[in-house]
Amino acid sequence: MDLLIDTYGTRIGATGERIKPSFPNVKAGKEYPIRRLDKIVILRPASLTTHAVRDSR
């Protein structure tokens, strides 16, 4: 599965074994299992936490 980020200002973090994108002005978010993601495609400026980068290997 590919995760496509196309929203300006998205913050991509990780909680345990899951990647959690946080979108501006949206309180509830969805989490994605790291093991099911093949790649994360970022099309707009976004930020990544070091935890998300480290755990997504």
N, C-alpha and C. Protein backbone atom coordinates (compact mmCIF):
# COMPACT_ATOMS: atom_id res chain seq x y z
N MET A 1 0.85 -1.16 0.00
CA MET A 1 0.00 0.00 0.00
C MET A 1 0.90 1.23 0.00
N ASP A 2 0.53 2.24 -0.77
CA ASP A 2 1.23 3.53 -0.80
C ASP A 2 0.42 4.57 -0.05
N LEU A 3 1.11 5.43 0.69
CA LEU A 3 0.46 6.53 1.40
C LEU A 3 0.82 7.81 0.66
N LEU A 4 -0.19 8.50 0.13
CA LEU A 4 -0.01 9.71 -0.66
C LEU A 4 -0.36 10.92 0.19
N ILE A 5 0.60 11.84 0.37
CA ILE A 5 0.39 13.06 1.14
C ILE A 5 0.31 14.22 0.16
N ASP A 6 -0.88 14.83 0.06
CA ASP A 6 -1.11 15.92 -0.90
C ASP A 6 -1.72 17.14 -0.22
N THR A 7 -1.49 17.29 1.09
CA THR A 7 -2.03 18.41 1.84
C THR A 7 -0.87 19.22 2.43
N TYR A 8 -0.82 20.50 2.12
CA TYR A 8 0.22 21.39 2.62
C TYR A 8 0.20 21.41 4.15
N GLY A 9 1.37 21.27 4.77
CA GLY A 9 1.48 21.37 6.22
C GLY A 9 1.21 20.09 6.99
N THR A 10 1.13 18.98 6.32
CA THR A 10 0.90 17.71 7.00
C THR A 10 2.12 17.35 7.82
N ARG A 11 1.88 16.80 9.01
CA ARG A 11 2.97 16.33 9.87
C ARG A 11 2.86 14.81 9.93
N ILE A 12 3.94 14.13 9.61
CA ILE A 12 3.93 12.67 9.60
C ILE A 12 4.72 12.18 10.80
N GLY A 13 4.04 11.52 11.69
CA GLY A 13 4.66 10.99 12.90
C GLY A 13 4.44 9.50 13.00
N ALA A 14 4.90 8.92 14.09
CA ALA A 14 4.72 7.50 14.31
C ALA A 14 4.33 7.26 15.76
N THR A 15 3.47 6.28 15.96
CA THR A 15 3.10 5.84 17.30
C THR A 15 3.26 4.33 17.31
N GLY A 16 4.27 3.86 17.99
CA GLY A 16 4.52 2.42 18.02
C GLY A 16 4.86 1.90 16.63
N GLU A 17 4.07 0.99 16.12
CA GLU A 17 4.28 0.38 14.81
C GLU A 17 3.37 0.98 13.74
N ARG A 18 2.93 2.22 13.95
CA ARG A 18 2.00 2.84 13.01
C ARG A 18 2.48 4.23 12.60
N ILE A 19 2.21 4.58 11.35
CA ILE A 19 2.48 5.93 10.84
C ILE A 19 1.19 6.72 10.98
N LYS A 20 1.30 7.93 11.52
CA LYS A 20 0.11 8.75 11.74
C LYS A 20 0.29 10.14 11.14
N PRO A 21 -0.34 10.39 9.99
CA PRO A 21 -0.31 11.74 9.44
C PRO A 21 -1.30 12.65 10.18
N SER A 22 -0.87 13.86 10.48
CA SER A 22 -1.73 14.86 11.12
C SER A 22 -1.91 16.01 10.14
N PHE A 23 -3.14 16.25 9.77
CA PHE A 23 -3.44 17.28 8.79
C PHE A 23 -3.85 18.58 9.48
N PRO A 24 -3.49 19.73 8.90
CA PRO A 24 -3.86 21.02 9.51
C PRO A 24 -5.38 21.15 9.63
N ASN A 25 -5.84 21.65 10.75
CA ASN A 25 -7.26 21.91 11.02
C ASN A 25 -8.12 20.65 11.04
N VAL A 26 -7.53 19.48 11.24
CA VAL A 26 -8.28 18.22 11.35
C VAL A 26 -7.87 17.57 12.67
N LYS A 27 -8.83 17.31 13.55
CA LYS A 27 -8.51 16.74 14.85
C LYS A 27 -8.36 15.23 14.80
N ALA A 28 -9.30 14.54 14.20
CA ALA A 28 -9.24 13.07 14.14
C ALA A 28 -8.39 12.65 12.95
N GLY A 29 -7.54 11.66 13.17
CA GLY A 29 -6.68 11.19 12.10
C GLY A 29 -6.73 9.68 11.98
N LYS A 30 -6.13 9.19 10.95
CA LYS A 30 -6.08 7.76 10.70
C LYS A 30 -4.64 7.29 10.85
N GLU A 31 -4.46 6.07 11.30
CA GLU A 31 -3.14 5.49 11.46
C GLU A 31 -2.98 4.33 10.48
N TYR A 32 -1.74 4.14 10.02
CA TYR A 32 -1.46 3.10 9.03
C TYR A 32 -0.34 2.19 9.56
N PRO A 33 -0.51 0.87 9.51
CA PRO A 33 0.54 -0.04 9.98
C PRO A 33 1.79 0.10 9.11
N ILE A 34 2.94 0.26 9.74
CA ILE A 34 4.19 0.43 9.02
C ILE A 34 4.47 -0.76 8.10
N ARG A 35 4.20 -1.93 8.56
CA ARG A 35 4.51 -3.15 7.79
C ARG A 35 3.69 -3.26 6.51
N ARG A 36 2.56 -2.59 6.43
CA ARG A 36 1.71 -2.67 5.24
C ARG A 36 2.02 -1.58 4.22
N LEU A 37 2.84 -0.59 4.61
CA LEU A 37 3.18 0.50 3.70
C LEU A 37 4.40 0.14 2.86
N ASP A 38 4.28 0.30 1.54
CA ASP A 38 5.43 0.11 0.66
C ASP A 38 6.22 1.41 0.56
N LYS A 39 5.50 2.53 0.45
CA LYS A 39 6.18 3.83 0.37
C LYS A 39 5.23 4.94 0.78
N ILE A 40 5.84 6.08 1.14
CA ILE A 40 5.11 7.31 1.44
C ILE A 40 5.52 8.32 0.39
N VAL A 41 4.55 8.82 -0.36
CA VAL A 41 4.80 9.81 -1.42
C VAL A 41 4.33 11.16 -0.91
N ILE A 42 5.24 12.15 -0.86
CA ILE A 42 4.91 13.48 -0.36
C ILE A 42 4.93 14.45 -1.53
N LEU A 43 3.78 15.01 -1.86
CA LEU A 43 3.64 15.91 -3.01
C LEU A 43 3.61 17.38 -2.63
N ARG A 44 3.36 17.70 -1.39
CA ARG A 44 3.32 19.08 -0.90
C ARG A 44 4.26 19.20 0.30
N PRO A 45 4.67 20.42 0.67
CA PRO A 45 5.55 20.57 1.84
C PRO A 45 4.92 19.94 3.08
N ALA A 46 5.69 19.10 3.75
CA ALA A 46 5.24 18.39 4.95
C ALA A 46 6.44 18.21 5.87
N SER A 47 6.18 17.79 7.09
CA SER A 47 7.28 17.52 8.01
C SER A 47 7.18 16.08 8.50
N LEU A 48 8.35 15.50 8.76
CA LEU A 48 8.43 14.13 9.26
C LEU A 48 9.16 14.14 10.59
N THR A 49 8.69 13.35 11.53
CA THR A 49 9.41 13.20 12.78
C THR A 49 10.52 12.18 12.59
N THR A 50 11.55 12.26 13.40
CA THR A 50 12.63 11.27 13.30
C THR A 50 12.13 9.88 13.65
N HIS A 51 11.16 9.79 14.54
CA HIS A 51 10.57 8.50 14.90
C HIS A 51 9.92 7.85 13.68
N ALA A 52 9.23 8.61 12.86
CA ALA A 52 8.58 8.07 11.67
C ALA A 52 9.60 7.59 10.66
N VAL A 53 10.68 8.31 10.51
CA VAL A 53 11.72 7.92 9.55
C VAL A 53 12.44 6.67 10.05
N ARG A 54 12.78 6.64 11.29
CA ARG A 54 13.52 5.51 11.87
C ARG A 54 12.71 4.23 11.82
N ASP A 55 11.43 4.29 12.18
CA ASP A 55 10.61 3.07 12.26
C ASP A 55 10.11 2.60 10.91
N SER A 56 10.19 3.40 9.89
CA SER A 56 9.61 3.00 8.61
C SER A 56 10.58 2.18 7.75
N ARG A 57 11.77 1.90 8.26
CA ARG A 57 12.73 1.09 7.47
C ARG A 57 12.30 -0.32 7.35
